[in-house]
Amino acid sequence: MKKIERPPMKRAERVGHLIKQMFDQSELGRQLSRHQAWLIWDQLVGEQIAARARPLKLRQGVLEVQVDHPVWMQQLQMLKPQILKKLAAQAPEAGITDIFLRQSRGPVPGRPKKPQQAAPPPWLKVELTPAEKEHIEKELAAVNNPELKNELRTLFTRQIQHQKCR
């Protein structure tokens, strides 16, 4: 096997720069830049519309968007000029010239799900007695850094709350 010699590097290149260079020079990079609408869609149209409409295909400059309800299709039809303007400004490489709206049969695929807020653990609701609070303050008396003192106060408080809840 022949060993390939290369000249020493003047300085190391960042991986992100090398990957960008690789994508810019390949067909894959051109395809990705044409499909930027998928990356920016939620931010572009807002959370409410993104929950109801998702980009589906891109063909010859026409972005096909799947919408889950006729009322939303009508709303998006009226917003089409503003959306196209934003797409042209934020993703000019995509070359999107029109939007075709298609009604879906059921929920829109790839629709972002809102993360459910987990209920706070029950031990966070436990109240400390004045004696416990006083004990924490005595322990923290030697700490001079106010930021560190607050963090430690929170830690000690939660530790006592957790122990009392067991």
C-alpha atoms as a PDB file:
ATOM      1  CA  MET A   1       0.000   0.000   0.000  1.00  0.00           C
ATOM      2  CA  LYS A   2       1.427   3.337  -1.033  1.00  0.00           C
ATOM      3  CA  LYS A   3       1.650   5.999   1.648  1.00  0.00           C
ATOM      4  CA  ILE A   4       0.267   9.358   0.579  1.00  0.00           C
ATOM      5  CA  GLU A   5       2.375  12.314   1.575  1.00  0.00           C
ATOM      6  CA  ARG A   6       0.743  15.649   2.236  1.00  0.00           C
ATOM      7  CA  PRO A   7       2.292  18.965   3.057  1.00  0.00           C
ATOM      8  CA  PRO A   8       2.132  20.026   6.701  1.00  0.00           C
ATOM      9  CA  MET A   9      -0.808  22.258   7.593  1.00  0.00           C
ATOM     10  CA  LYS A  10      -0.092  25.870   8.488  1.00  0.00           C
ATOM     11  CA  ARG A  11      -2.896  25.790  11.006  1.00  0.00           C
ATOM     12  CA  ALA A  12      -5.741  23.394  11.742  1.00  0.00           C
ATOM     13  CA  GLU A  13      -9.088  24.051  10.070  1.00  0.00           C
ATOM     14  CA  ARG A  14     -12.287  23.972  12.075  1.00  0.00           C
ATOM     15  CA  VAL A  15     -14.455  20.926  11.388  1.00  0.00           C
ATOM     16  CA  GLY A  16     -17.514  23.111  10.750  1.00  0.00           C
ATOM     17  CA  HIS A  17     -15.608  25.038   8.084  1.00  0.00           C
ATOM     18  CA  LEU A  18     -14.452  21.814   6.402  1.00  0.00           C
ATOM     19  CA  ILE A  19     -17.970  20.345   6.398  1.00  0.00           C
ATOM     20  CA  LYS A  20     -19.402  23.581   4.963  1.00  0.00           C
ATOM     21  CA  GLN A  21     -16.716  23.565   2.266  1.00  0.00           C
ATOM     22  CA  MET A  22     -17.529  19.950   1.425  1.00  0.00           C
ATOM     23  CA  PHE A  23     -21.275  20.657   1.172  1.00  0.00           C
ATOM     24  CA  ASP A  24     -20.756  23.822  -0.875  1.00  0.00           C
ATOM     25  CA  GLN A  25     -18.797  21.861  -3.474  1.00  0.00           C
ATOM     26  CA  SER A  26     -21.215  18.927  -3.770  1.00  0.00           C
ATOM     27  CA  GLU A  27     -24.665  18.315  -5.227  1.00  0.00           C
ATOM     28  CA  LEU A  28     -25.854  17.443  -1.728  1.00  0.00           C
ATOM     29  CA  GLY A  29     -24.971  20.956  -0.588  1.00  0.00           C
ATOM     30  CA  ARG A  30     -26.981  22.463  -3.428  1.00  0.00           C
ATOM     31  CA  GLN A  31     -29.933  20.205  -2.568  1.00  0.00           C
ATOM     32  CA  LEU A  32     -29.749  21.232   1.090  1.00  0.00           C
ATOM     33  CA  SER A  33     -29.731  24.923   0.254  1.00  0.00           C
ATOM     34  CA  ARG A  34     -32.807  24.416  -1.934  1.00  0.00           C
ATOM     35  CA  HIS A  35     -34.600  22.765   0.978  1.00  0.00           C
ATOM     36  CA  GLN A  36     -33.873  25.440   3.590  1.00  0.00           C
ATOM     37  CA  ALA A  37     -37.603  26.086   3.941  1.00  0.00           C
ATOM     38  CA  TRP A  38     -37.858  22.976   6.124  1.00  0.00           C
ATOM     39  CA  LEU A  39     -35.222  24.326   8.495  1.00  0.00           C
ATOM     40  CA  ILE A  40     -36.731  27.770   8.916  1.00  0.00           C
ATOM     41  CA  TRP A  41     -40.447  27.013   8.454  1.00  0.00           C
ATOM     42  CA  ASP A  42     -41.489  27.111  12.137  1.00  0.00           C
ATOM     43  CA  GLN A  43     -39.648  30.374  12.788  1.00  0.00           C
ATOM     44  CA  LEU A  44     -40.817  31.842   9.479  1.00  0.00           C
ATOM     45  CA  VAL A  45     -44.561  31.269   9.871  1.00  0.00           C
ATOM     46  CA  GLY A  46     -44.831  31.142  13.659  1.00  0.00           C
ATOM     47  CA  GLU A  47     -45.809  28.404  16.079  1.00  0.00           C
ATOM     48  CA  GLN A  48     -49.560  28.583  15.419  1.00  0.00           C
ATOM     49  CA  ILE A  49     -49.312  28.120  11.649  1.00  0.00           C
ATOM     50  CA  ALA A  50     -46.449  25.612  11.918  1.00  0.00           C
ATOM     51  CA  ALA A  51     -48.716  23.410  14.034  1.00  0.00           C
ATOM     52  CA  ARG A  52     -51.246  23.355  11.150  1.00  0.00           C
ATOM     53  CA  ALA A  53     -49.089  23.458   8.006  1.00  0.00           C
ATOM     54  CA  ARG A  54     -45.823  21.727   7.056  1.00  0.00           C
ATOM     55  CA  PRO A  55     -43.660  21.867   3.910  1.00  0.00           C
ATOM     56  CA  LEU A  56     -44.049  18.637   1.993  1.00  0.00           C
ATOM     57  CA  LYS A  57     -42.228  18.915  -1.360  1.00  0.00           C
ATOM     58  CA  LEU A  58     -40.238  21.354  -3.425  1.00  0.00           C
ATOM     59  CA  ARG A  59     -40.534  21.013  -7.184  1.00  0.00           C
ATOM     60  CA  GLN A  60     -39.367  23.545  -9.765  1.00  0.00           C
ATOM     61  CA  GLY A  61     -39.523  26.437  -7.306  1.00  0.00           C
ATOM     62  CA  VAL A  62     -42.989  25.541  -5.968  1.00  0.00           C
ATOM     63  CA  LEU A  63     -43.143  24.653  -2.280  1.00  0.00           C
ATOM     64  CA  GLU A  64     -45.970  22.243  -1.555  1.00  0.00           C
ATOM     65  CA  VAL A  65     -47.371  22.764   1.929  1.00  0.00           C
ATOM     66  CA  GLN A  66     -49.712  20.314   3.613  1.00  0.00           C
ATOM     67  CA  VAL A  67     -52.438  21.978   5.713  1.00  0.00           C
ATOM     68  CA  ASP A  68     -54.693  20.180   8.181  1.00  0.00           C
ATOM     69  CA  HIS A  69     -57.920  22.209   7.835  1.00  0.00           C
ATOM     70  CA  PRO A  70     -59.720  24.184   5.089  1.00  0.00           C
ATOM     71  CA  VAL A  71     -59.954  27.300   7.267  1.00  0.00           C
ATOM     72  CA  TRP A  72     -56.182  27.286   7.682  1.00  0.00           C
ATOM     73  CA  MET A  73     -55.771  26.772   3.932  1.00  0.00           C
ATOM     74  CA  GLN A  74     -57.827  29.908   3.315  1.00  0.00           C
ATOM     75  CA  GLN A  75     -55.794  31.836   5.894  1.00  0.00           C
ATOM     76  CA  LEU A  76     -52.507  30.683   4.352  1.00  0.00           C
ATOM     77  CA  GLN A  77     -53.754  31.546   0.881  1.00  0.00           C
ATOM     78  CA  MET A  78     -54.150  35.149   2.079  1.00  0.00           C
ATOM     79  CA  LEU A  79     -50.737  35.071   3.807  1.00  0.00           C
ATOM     80  CA  LYS A  80     -48.965  33.532   0.788  1.00  0.00           C
ATOM     81  CA  PRO A  81     -47.405  36.833  -0.463  1.00  0.00           C
ATOM     82  CA  GLN A  82     -45.930  37.597   2.989  1.00  0.00           C
ATOM     83  CA  ILE A  83     -44.626  34.037   3.407  1.00  0.00           C
ATOM     84  CA  LEU A  84     -43.030  34.114  -0.070  1.00  0.00           C
ATOM     85  CA  LYS A  85     -41.410  37.456   0.754  1.00  0.00           C
ATOM     86  CA  LYS A  86     -39.974  36.065   4.008  1.00  0.00           C
ATOM     87  CA  LEU A  87     -38.767  32.915   2.234  1.00  0.00           C
ATOM     88  CA  ALA A  88     -37.015  35.003  -0.419  1.00  0.00           C
ATOM     89  CA  ALA A  89     -35.325  37.093   2.276  1.00  0.00           C
ATOM     90  CA  GLN A  90     -34.285  34.257   4.601  1.00  0.00           C
ATOM     91  CA  ALA A  91     -33.648  31.457   2.104  1.00  0.00           C
ATOM     92  CA  PRO A  92     -32.794  33.045  -1.263  1.00  0.00           C
ATOM     93  CA  GLU A  93     -30.832  29.943  -2.366  1.00  0.00           C
ATOM     94  CA  ALA A  94     -34.029  27.876  -2.181  1.00  0.00           C
ATOM     95  CA  GLY A  95     -35.462  29.700  -5.215  1.00  0.00           C
ATOM     96  CA  ILE A  96     -39.057  29.325  -4.052  1.00  0.00           C
ATOM     97  CA  THR A  97     -41.375  31.272  -6.356  1.00  0.00           C
ATOM     98  CA  ASP A  98     -44.788  29.937  -5.312  1.00  0.00           C
ATOM     99  CA  ILE A  99     -46.577  27.953  -2.625  1.00  0.00           C
ATOM    100  CA  PHE A 100     -49.098  25.218  -3.386  1.00  0.00           C
ATOM    101  CA  LEU A 101     -51.406  24.372  -0.487  1.00  0.00           C
ATOM    102  CA  ARG A 102     -52.683  20.802  -0.131  1.00  0.00           C
ATOM    103  CA  GLN A 103     -55.207  19.667   2.457  1.00  0.00           C
ATOM    104  CA  SER A 104     -54.135  16.657   4.466  1.00  0.00           C
ATOM    105  CA  ARG A 105     -56.364  13.811   5.536  1.00  0.00           C
ATOM    106  CA  GLY A 106     -55.766  13.906   9.245  1.00  0.00           C
ATOM    107  CA  PRO A 107     -52.949  15.457  11.250  1.00  0.00           C
ATOM    108  CA  VAL A 108     -50.111  17.105   9.380  1.00  0.00           C
ATOM    109  CA  PRO A 109     -47.052  14.805   9.278  1.00  0.00           C
ATOM    110  CA  GLY A 110     -43.995  16.024  11.118  1.00  0.00           C
ATOM    111  CA  ARG A 111     -46.127  18.484  13.032  1.00  0.00           C
ATOM    112  CA  PRO A 112     -44.191  19.831  16.004  1.00  0.00           C
ATOM    113  CA  LYS A 113     -45.503  18.544  19.285  1.00  0.00           C
ATOM    114  CA  LYS A 114     -45.684  20.916  22.190  1.00  0.00           C
ATOM    115  CA  PRO A 115     -43.637  19.578  25.056  1.00  0.00           C
ATOM    116  CA  GLN A 116     -45.869  18.763  27.972  1.00  0.00           C
ATOM    117  CA  GLN A 117     -45.000  20.658  31.099  1.00  0.00           C
ATOM    118  CA  ALA A 118     -44.152  18.155  33.775  1.00  0.00           C
ATOM    119  CA  ALA A 119     -45.746  18.840  37.124  1.00  0.00           C
ATOM    120  CA  PRO A 120     -43.202  20.028  39.674  1.00  0.00           C
ATOM    121  CA  PRO A 121     -42.124  17.309  42.069  1.00  0.00           C
ATOM    122  CA  PRO A 122     -44.153  17.267  45.297  1.00  0.00           C
ATOM    123  CA  TRP A 123     -41.101  17.862  47.475  1.00  0.00           C
ATOM    124  CA  LEU A 124     -40.726  21.386  46.027  1.00  0.00           C
ATOM    125  CA  LYS A 125     -43.975  22.343  47.793  1.00  0.00           C
ATOM    126  CA  VAL A 126     -42.662  21.371  51.225  1.00  0.00           C
ATOM    127  CA  GLU A 127     -42.195  24.396  53.507  1.00  0.00           C
ATOM    128  CA  LEU A 128     -39.154  24.741  55.747  1.00  0.00           C
ATOM    129  CA  THR A 129     -39.551  25.591  59.398  1.00  0.00           C
ATOM    130  CA  PRO A 130     -37.974  28.785  60.741  1.00  0.00           C
ATOM    131  CA  ALA A 131     -35.426  26.615  62.598  1.00  0.00           C
ATOM    132  CA  GLU A 132     -34.408  24.881  59.340  1.00  0.00           C
ATOM    133  CA  LYS A 133     -34.048  28.221  57.567  1.00  0.00           C
ATOM    134  CA  GLU A 134     -31.959  29.547  60.450  1.00  0.00           C
ATOM    135  CA  HIS A 135     -29.719  26.452  60.314  1.00  0.00           C
ATOM    136  CA  ILE A 136     -29.104  27.014  56.573  1.00  0.00           C
ATOM    137  CA  GLU A 137     -28.195  30.679  57.190  1.00  0.00           C
ATOM    138  CA  LYS A 138     -25.740  29.676  59.928  1.00  0.00           C
ATOM    139  CA  GLU A 139     -24.072  27.220  57.533  1.00  0.00           C
ATOM    140  CA  LEU A 140     -23.789  29.946  54.885  1.00  0.00           C
ATOM    141  CA  ALA A 141     -22.487  32.680  57.208  1.00  0.00           C
ATOM    142  CA  ALA A 142     -18.854  32.068  56.212  1.00  0.00           C
ATOM    143  CA  VAL A 143     -19.565  32.317  52.457  1.00  0.00           C
ATOM    144  CA  ASN A 144     -18.736  35.815  51.154  1.00  0.00           C
ATOM    145  CA  ASN A 145     -19.693  35.456  47.497  1.00  0.00           C
ATOM    146  CA  PRO A 146     -23.408  36.444  47.229  1.00  0.00           C
ATOM    147  CA  GLU A 147     -23.998  34.443  44.038  1.00  0.00           C
ATOM    148  CA  LEU A 148     -22.476  31.306  45.517  1.00  0.00           C
ATOM    149  CA  LYS A 149     -24.395  31.914  48.743  1.00  0.00           C
ATOM    150  CA  ASN A 150     -27.723  32.019  46.860  1.00  0.00           C
ATOM    151  CA  GLU A 151     -26.924  28.832  44.936  1.00  0.00           C
ATOM    152  CA  LEU A 152     -25.939  27.004  48.113  1.00  0.00           C
ATOM    153  CA  ARG A 153     -29.067  28.288  49.895  1.00  0.00           C
ATOM    154  CA  THR A 154     -31.200  26.828  47.092  1.00  0.00           C
ATOM    155  CA  LEU A 155     -29.289  23.552  47.209  1.00  0.00           C
ATOM    156  CA  PHE A 156     -29.600  23.191  51.005  1.00  0.00           C
ATOM    157  CA  THR A 157     -33.276  24.154  50.926  1.00  0.00           C
ATOM    158  CA  ARG A 158     -34.096  21.597  48.242  1.00  0.00           C
ATOM    159  CA  GLN A 159     -32.109  18.943  50.053  1.00  0.00           C
ATOM    160  CA  ILE A 160     -34.136  19.466  53.254  1.00  0.00           C
ATOM    161  CA  GLN A 161     -37.401  19.576  51.256  1.00  0.00           C
ATOM    162  CA  HIS A 162     -36.527  16.313  49.560  1.00  0.00           C
ATOM    163  CA  GLN A 163     -35.608  14.603  52.843  1.00  0.00           C
ATOM    164  CA  LYS A 164     -38.848  15.767  54.505  1.00  0.00           C
ATOM    165  CA  CYS A 165     -40.911  14.412  51.620  1.00  0.00           C
ATOM    166  CA  ARG A 166     -39.491  10.872  51.927  1.00  0.00           C
END
